[in-house]
Amino acid sequence: IGANGTGTDIDIIAGINWAVANGADVILMAFSSPGQSSALADAVNHARSNGVTVVASVANDGVTAASYPAGYAGVIGVGATDQADALASFSNRGASVYLNAPGTGIPTLTPGGGTISRDGTSMAAAQVAGAAALLVADRGLSPVQVAGTLSSSSAGGRLDLATALGATATEDEPS
């Protein structure tokens, strides 16, 4: 994806394939689209069949419509919560959401070394991807075990990393 935040499915597929070929355990896709692509779905399936946990943001339109890649089977789609631990007004909801994480007021680095505060499901998805990476590194969990453990240890559907790290591994397949 380019510096302006846009890219094509061809670029994304190339990135997924590169990550798989180079031993990635977790792939974060902090973007979304309302449209499906069979080629992108195939690349996601390729990653998952190679033991890669795939995490994606669900979009910031405040609607229930599916978004992709979060809406593909096996992808951990992530929505955003606010400081009151409620679903953020901008966060998409519905079938693409598997788990929520804090997504408002998230400190983010800027070019040149400063920080700004950002809101979005991309920020929430990054936290879930980090949690997934810790579960893989610490306990060697498979993608299905990562999803199940994050889900079963969540606090009302919101990421609870401390509980996840101490939880017994369970299996669940995001649909």
C-alpha atoms as a PDB file:
ATOM      1  CA  ILE A   1       0.000   0.000   0.000  1.00  0.00           C
ATOM      2  CA  GLY A   2       1.323   3.407  -0.904  1.00  0.00           C
ATOM      3  CA  ALA A   3       2.161   6.308   1.399  1.00  0.00           C
ATOM      4  CA  ASN A   4      -1.305   7.762   0.768  1.00  0.00           C
ATOM      5  CA  GLY A   5      -2.919   4.609   2.165  1.00  0.00           C
ATOM      6  CA  THR A   6      -4.247   3.214  -1.082  1.00  0.00           C
ATOM      7  CA  GLY A   7      -3.369   0.076  -2.963  1.00  0.00           C
ATOM      8  CA  THR A   8      -4.762  -2.620  -5.190  1.00  0.00           C
ATOM      9  CA  ASP A   9      -5.671  -6.216  -4.516  1.00  0.00           C
ATOM     10  CA  ILE A  10      -2.608  -7.174  -6.565  1.00  0.00           C
ATOM     11  CA  ASP A  11      -0.384  -5.237  -4.139  1.00  0.00           C
ATOM     12  CA  ILE A  12      -2.097  -6.748  -1.106  1.00  0.00           C
ATOM     13  CA  ILE A  13      -1.918 -10.288  -2.488  1.00  0.00           C
ATOM     14  CA  ALA A  14       1.783  -9.816  -3.206  1.00  0.00           C
ATOM     15  CA  GLY A  15       2.284  -8.662   0.387  1.00  0.00           C
ATOM     16  CA  ILE A  16       0.405 -11.646   1.802  1.00  0.00           C
ATOM     17  CA  ASN A  17       2.363 -14.075  -0.354  1.00  0.00           C
ATOM     18  CA  TRP A  18       5.650 -12.418   0.625  1.00  0.00           C
ATOM     19  CA  ALA A  19       4.737 -12.622   4.317  1.00  0.00           C
ATOM     20  CA  VAL A  20       3.842 -16.316   4.025  1.00  0.00           C
ATOM     21  CA  ALA A  21       7.030 -17.110   2.070  1.00  0.00           C
ATOM     22  CA  ASN A  22       9.115 -15.305   4.683  1.00  0.00           C
ATOM     23  CA  GLY A  23       7.694 -17.076   7.730  1.00  0.00           C
ATOM     24  CA  ALA A  24       5.129 -14.608   9.105  1.00  0.00           C
ATOM     25  CA  ASP A  25       3.036 -15.896  11.995  1.00  0.00           C
ATOM     26  CA  VAL A  26       0.523 -13.026  11.943  1.00  0.00           C
ATOM     27  CA  ILE A  27      -0.614 -10.706   9.147  1.00  0.00           C
ATOM     28  CA  LEU A  28      -2.336  -7.414   9.967  1.00  0.00           C
ATOM     29  CA  MET A  29      -4.460  -5.782   7.298  1.00  0.00           C
ATOM     30  CA  ALA A  30      -5.416  -2.411   8.774  1.00  0.00           C
ATOM     31  CA  PHE A  31      -7.681  -1.459   5.878  1.00  0.00           C
ATOM     32  CA  SER A  32     -11.046  -2.485   4.529  1.00  0.00           C
ATOM     33  CA  SER A  33     -13.189  -2.452   1.437  1.00  0.00           C
ATOM     34  CA  PRO A  34     -16.890  -3.100   0.901  1.00  0.00           C
ATOM     35  CA  GLY A  35     -16.094  -5.275  -2.123  1.00  0.00           C
ATOM     36  CA  GLN A  36     -15.009  -8.893  -2.221  1.00  0.00           C
ATOM     37  CA  SER A  37     -12.236 -10.325  -4.371  1.00  0.00           C
ATOM     38  CA  SER A  38     -11.891 -14.038  -4.989  1.00  0.00           C
ATOM     39  CA  ALA A  39      -8.157 -13.555  -5.580  1.00  0.00           C
ATOM     40  CA  LEU A  40      -7.730 -11.814  -2.210  1.00  0.00           C
ATOM     41  CA  ALA A  41      -9.848 -14.495  -0.502  1.00  0.00           C
ATOM     42  CA  ASP A  42      -7.570 -17.128  -2.061  1.00  0.00           C
ATOM     43  CA  ALA A  43      -4.476 -15.321  -0.749  1.00  0.00           C
ATOM     44  CA  VAL A  44      -5.986 -15.143   2.750  1.00  0.00           C
ATOM     45  CA  ASN A  45      -6.811 -18.864   2.563  1.00  0.00           C
ATOM     46  CA  HIS A  46      -3.228 -19.552   1.417  1.00  0.00           C
ATOM     47  CA  ALA A  47      -1.906 -17.688   4.461  1.00  0.00           C
ATOM     48  CA  ARG A  48      -4.209 -19.522   6.846  1.00  0.00           C
ATOM     49  CA  SER A  49      -3.393 -22.911   5.323  1.00  0.00           C
ATOM     50  CA  ASN A  50       0.254 -22.115   6.061  1.00  0.00           C
ATOM     51  CA  GLY A  51      -0.455 -21.466   9.745  1.00  0.00           C
ATOM     52  CA  VAL A  52      -0.671 -17.667   9.582  1.00  0.00           C
ATOM     53  CA  THR A  53      -3.171 -15.819  11.792  1.00  0.00           C
ATOM     54  CA  VAL A  54      -4.873 -13.088   9.750  1.00  0.00           C
ATOM     55  CA  VAL A  55      -6.271  -9.967  11.460  1.00  0.00           C
ATOM     56  CA  ALA A  56      -8.131  -7.129   9.687  1.00  0.00           C
ATOM     57  CA  SER A  57      -9.936  -3.926  10.617  1.00  0.00           C
ATOM     58  CA  VAL A  58     -13.658  -3.757   9.807  1.00  0.00           C
ATOM     59  CA  ALA A  59     -13.921  -0.097   8.676  1.00  0.00           C
ATOM     60  CA  ASN A  60     -15.028   3.159  10.211  1.00  0.00           C
ATOM     61  CA  ASP A  61     -18.424   3.756   8.597  1.00  0.00           C
ATOM     62  CA  GLY A  62     -20.625   2.911  11.598  1.00  0.00           C
ATOM     63  CA  VAL A  63     -22.654   0.402   9.570  1.00  0.00           C
ATOM     64  CA  THR A  64     -23.428  -3.312   9.722  1.00  0.00           C
ATOM     65  CA  ALA A  65     -22.433  -4.083   6.133  1.00  0.00           C
ATOM     66  CA  ALA A  66     -19.648  -6.605   5.684  1.00  0.00           C
ATOM     67  CA  SER A  67     -16.158  -5.348   4.903  1.00  0.00           C
ATOM     68  CA  TYR A  68     -13.213  -7.212   3.450  1.00  0.00           C
ATOM     69  CA  PRO A  69     -10.754  -8.757   4.148  1.00  0.00           C
ATOM     70  CA  ALA A  70     -12.307  -8.852   7.653  1.00  0.00           C
ATOM     71  CA  GLY A  71     -15.388 -10.596   6.263  1.00  0.00           C
ATOM     72  CA  TYR A  72     -13.518 -13.572   4.827  1.00  0.00           C
ATOM     73  CA  ALA A  73     -13.815 -16.865   6.716  1.00  0.00           C
ATOM     74  CA  GLY A  74     -11.006 -17.373   9.188  1.00  0.00           C
ATOM     75  CA  VAL A  75     -10.035 -13.698   9.432  1.00  0.00           C
ATOM     76  CA  ILE A  76     -10.195 -12.059  12.864  1.00  0.00           C
ATOM     77  CA  GLY A  77     -12.225  -8.938  12.025  1.00  0.00           C
ATOM     78  CA  VAL A  78     -11.724  -6.170  14.579  1.00  0.00           C
ATOM     79  CA  GLY A  79     -14.044  -3.338  15.594  1.00  0.00           C
ATOM     80  CA  ALA A  80     -13.209  -0.430  17.903  1.00  0.00           C
ATOM     81  CA  THR A  81     -14.300   0.513  21.405  1.00  0.00           C
ATOM     82  CA  ASP A  82     -14.150   3.962  22.980  1.00  0.00           C
ATOM     83  CA  GLN A  83     -12.813   5.206  26.340  1.00  0.00           C
ATOM     84  CA  ALA A  84     -16.083   4.148  28.027  1.00  0.00           C
ATOM     85  CA  ASP A  85     -15.470   0.592  26.730  1.00  0.00           C
ATOM     86  CA  ALA A  86     -18.524   0.837  24.470  1.00  0.00           C
ATOM     87  CA  LEU A  87     -18.527   0.224  20.734  1.00  0.00           C
ATOM     88  CA  ALA A  88     -17.155   3.382  19.099  1.00  0.00           C
ATOM     89  CA  SER A  89     -19.800   5.221  17.080  1.00  0.00           C
ATOM     90  CA  PHE A  90     -17.690   5.072  13.909  1.00  0.00           C
ATOM     91  CA  SER A  91     -16.872   1.345  14.180  1.00  0.00           C
ATOM     92  CA  ASN A  92     -18.563  -1.020  11.798  1.00  0.00           C
ATOM     93  CA  ARG A  93     -20.502  -3.794  13.462  1.00  0.00           C
ATOM     94  CA  GLY A  94     -22.122  -6.976  12.291  1.00  0.00           C
ATOM     95  CA  ALA A  95     -20.899 -10.224  10.780  1.00  0.00           C
ATOM     96  CA  SER A  96     -17.378  -8.994   9.919  1.00  0.00           C
ATOM     97  CA  VAL A  97     -16.605  -8.255  13.586  1.00  0.00           C
ATOM     98  CA  TYR A  98     -15.103 -11.128  15.538  1.00  0.00           C
ATOM     99  CA  LEU A  99     -13.537  -9.108  18.362  1.00  0.00           C
ATOM    100  CA  ASN A 100     -13.302  -5.478  19.492  1.00  0.00           C
ATOM    101  CA  ALA A 101     -10.355  -3.569  20.940  1.00  0.00           C
ATOM    102  CA  PRO A 102      -9.696   0.010  22.063  1.00  0.00           C
ATOM    103  CA  GLY A 103      -9.765   2.273  19.027  1.00  0.00           C
ATOM    104  CA  THR A 104     -10.131   5.870  20.227  1.00  0.00           C
ATOM    105  CA  GLY A 105      -7.401   8.187  21.418  1.00  0.00           C
ATOM    106  CA  ILE A 106      -4.618   5.770  20.466  1.00  0.00           C
ATOM    107  CA  PRO A 107      -1.159   7.431  20.490  1.00  0.00           C
ATOM    108  CA  THR A 108       0.486   6.950  17.098  1.00  0.00           C
ATOM    109  CA  LEU A 109       3.975   7.828  15.893  1.00  0.00           C
ATOM    110  CA  THR A 110       4.357  10.362  13.106  1.00  0.00           C
ATOM    111  CA  PRO A 111       7.155  10.824  10.582  1.00  0.00           C
ATOM    112  CA  GLY A 112       9.911  12.742  12.324  1.00  0.00           C
ATOM    113  CA  GLY A 113       9.327  11.173  15.723  1.00  0.00           C
ATOM    114  CA  GLY A 114       6.273  12.926  17.137  1.00  0.00           C
ATOM    115  CA  THR A 115       3.001  11.392  18.271  1.00  0.00           C
ATOM    116  CA  ILE A 116      -0.627  12.144  17.555  1.00  0.00           C
ATOM    117  CA  SER A 117      -3.837  10.619  18.822  1.00  0.00           C
ATOM    118  CA  ARG A 118      -5.818   8.539  16.305  1.00  0.00           C
ATOM    119  CA  ASP A 119      -9.212   6.869  16.228  1.00  0.00           C
ATOM    120  CA  GLY A 120     -10.129   3.872  14.091  1.00  0.00           C
ATOM    121  CA  THR A 121     -10.593   0.178  13.689  1.00  0.00           C
ATOM    122  CA  SER A 122      -7.075   0.034  12.237  1.00  0.00           C
ATOM    123  CA  MET A 123      -5.676   1.015  15.633  1.00  0.00           C
ATOM    124  CA  ALA A 124      -7.866  -1.607  17.302  1.00  0.00           C
ATOM    125  CA  ALA A 125      -6.803  -4.289  14.815  1.00  0.00           C
ATOM    126  CA  ALA A 126      -3.135  -3.551  15.482  1.00  0.00           C
ATOM    127  CA  GLN A 127      -3.670  -4.362  19.161  1.00  0.00           C
ATOM    128  CA  VAL A 128      -5.361  -7.658  18.321  1.00  0.00           C
ATOM    129  CA  ALA A 129      -2.571  -8.541  15.885  1.00  0.00           C
ATOM    130  CA  GLY A 130      -0.035  -7.818  18.629  1.00  0.00           C
ATOM    131  CA  ALA A 131      -1.962 -10.030  21.045  1.00  0.00           C
ATOM    132  CA  ALA A 132      -2.079 -12.778  18.412  1.00  0.00           C
ATOM    133  CA  ALA A 133       1.682 -12.505  17.901  1.00  0.00           C
ATOM    134  CA  LEU A 134       2.255 -12.860  21.646  1.00  0.00           C
ATOM    135  CA  LEU A 135       0.073 -15.982  21.780  1.00  0.00           C
ATOM    136  CA  VAL A 136       1.942 -17.533  18.857  1.00  0.00           C
ATOM    137  CA  ALA A 137       5.385 -16.605  20.225  1.00  0.00           C
ATOM    138  CA  ASP A 138       4.626 -17.546  23.835  1.00  0.00           C
ATOM    139  CA  ARG A 139       2.528 -20.662  23.296  1.00  0.00           C
ATOM    140  CA  GLY A 140       2.866 -21.696  19.649  1.00  0.00           C
ATOM    141  CA  LEU A 141      -0.882 -21.509  19.027  1.00  0.00           C
ATOM    142  CA  SER A 142      -2.412 -22.192  15.606  1.00  0.00           C
ATOM    143  CA  PRO A 143      -4.633 -19.564  13.931  1.00  0.00           C
ATOM    144  CA  VAL A 144      -7.783 -21.370  15.101  1.00  0.00           C
ATOM    145  CA  GLN A 145      -6.410 -21.559  18.654  1.00  0.00           C
ATOM    146  CA  VAL A 146      -5.405 -17.881  18.587  1.00  0.00           C
ATOM    147  CA  ALA A 147      -8.914 -16.872  17.505  1.00  0.00           C
ATOM    148  CA  GLY A 148     -10.585 -19.128  20.052  1.00  0.00           C
ATOM    149  CA  THR A 149      -8.354 -18.045  22.913  1.00  0.00           C
ATOM    150  CA  LEU A 150      -8.799 -14.338  22.146  1.00  0.00           C
ATOM    151  CA  SER A 151     -12.563 -14.794  21.864  1.00  0.00           C
ATOM    152  CA  SER A 152     -13.067 -16.966  24.944  1.00  0.00           C
ATOM    153  CA  SER A 153     -10.928 -14.687  27.109  1.00  0.00           C
ATOM    154  CA  SER A 154     -12.497 -11.447  25.884  1.00  0.00           C
ATOM    155  CA  ALA A 155     -14.293  -9.117  28.247  1.00  0.00           C
ATOM    156  CA  GLY A 156     -17.727  -8.776  26.668  1.00  0.00           C
ATOM    157  CA  GLY A 157     -16.274  -9.150  23.172  1.00  0.00           C
ATOM    158  CA  ARG A 158     -13.354  -6.778  23.806  1.00  0.00           C
ATOM    159  CA  LEU A 159      -9.738  -7.879  23.760  1.00  0.00           C
ATOM    160  CA  ASP A 160      -8.405  -8.807  27.202  1.00  0.00           C
ATOM    161  CA  LEU A 161      -4.730  -9.619  26.666  1.00  0.00           C
ATOM    162  CA  ALA A 162      -3.901 -10.405  30.291  1.00  0.00           C
ATOM    163  CA  THR A 163      -6.658 -12.997  30.452  1.00  0.00           C
ATOM    164  CA  ALA A 164      -5.748 -14.402  27.018  1.00  0.00           C
ATOM    165  CA  LEU A 165      -2.144 -14.963  28.017  1.00  0.00           C
ATOM    166  CA  GLY A 166      -3.226 -17.014  31.028  1.00  0.00           C
ATOM    167  CA  ALA A 167      -6.150 -18.793  29.374  1.00  0.00           C
ATOM    168  CA  THR A 168      -6.303 -22.389  28.267  1.00  0.00           C
ATOM    169  CA  ALA A 169      -6.137 -22.541  24.494  1.00  0.00           C
ATOM    170  CA  THR A 170      -9.505 -23.034  22.848  1.00  0.00           C
ATOM    171  CA  GLU A 171     -10.407 -23.324  19.198  1.00  0.00           C
ATOM    172  CA  ASP A 172     -12.808 -21.192  17.183  1.00  0.00           C
ATOM    173  CA  GLU A 173     -13.012 -20.361  13.509  1.00  0.00           C
ATOM    174  CA  PRO A 174     -14.048 -16.796  12.662  1.00  0.00           C
ATOM    175  CA  SER A 175     -16.829 -17.014  10.092  1.00  0.00           C
END
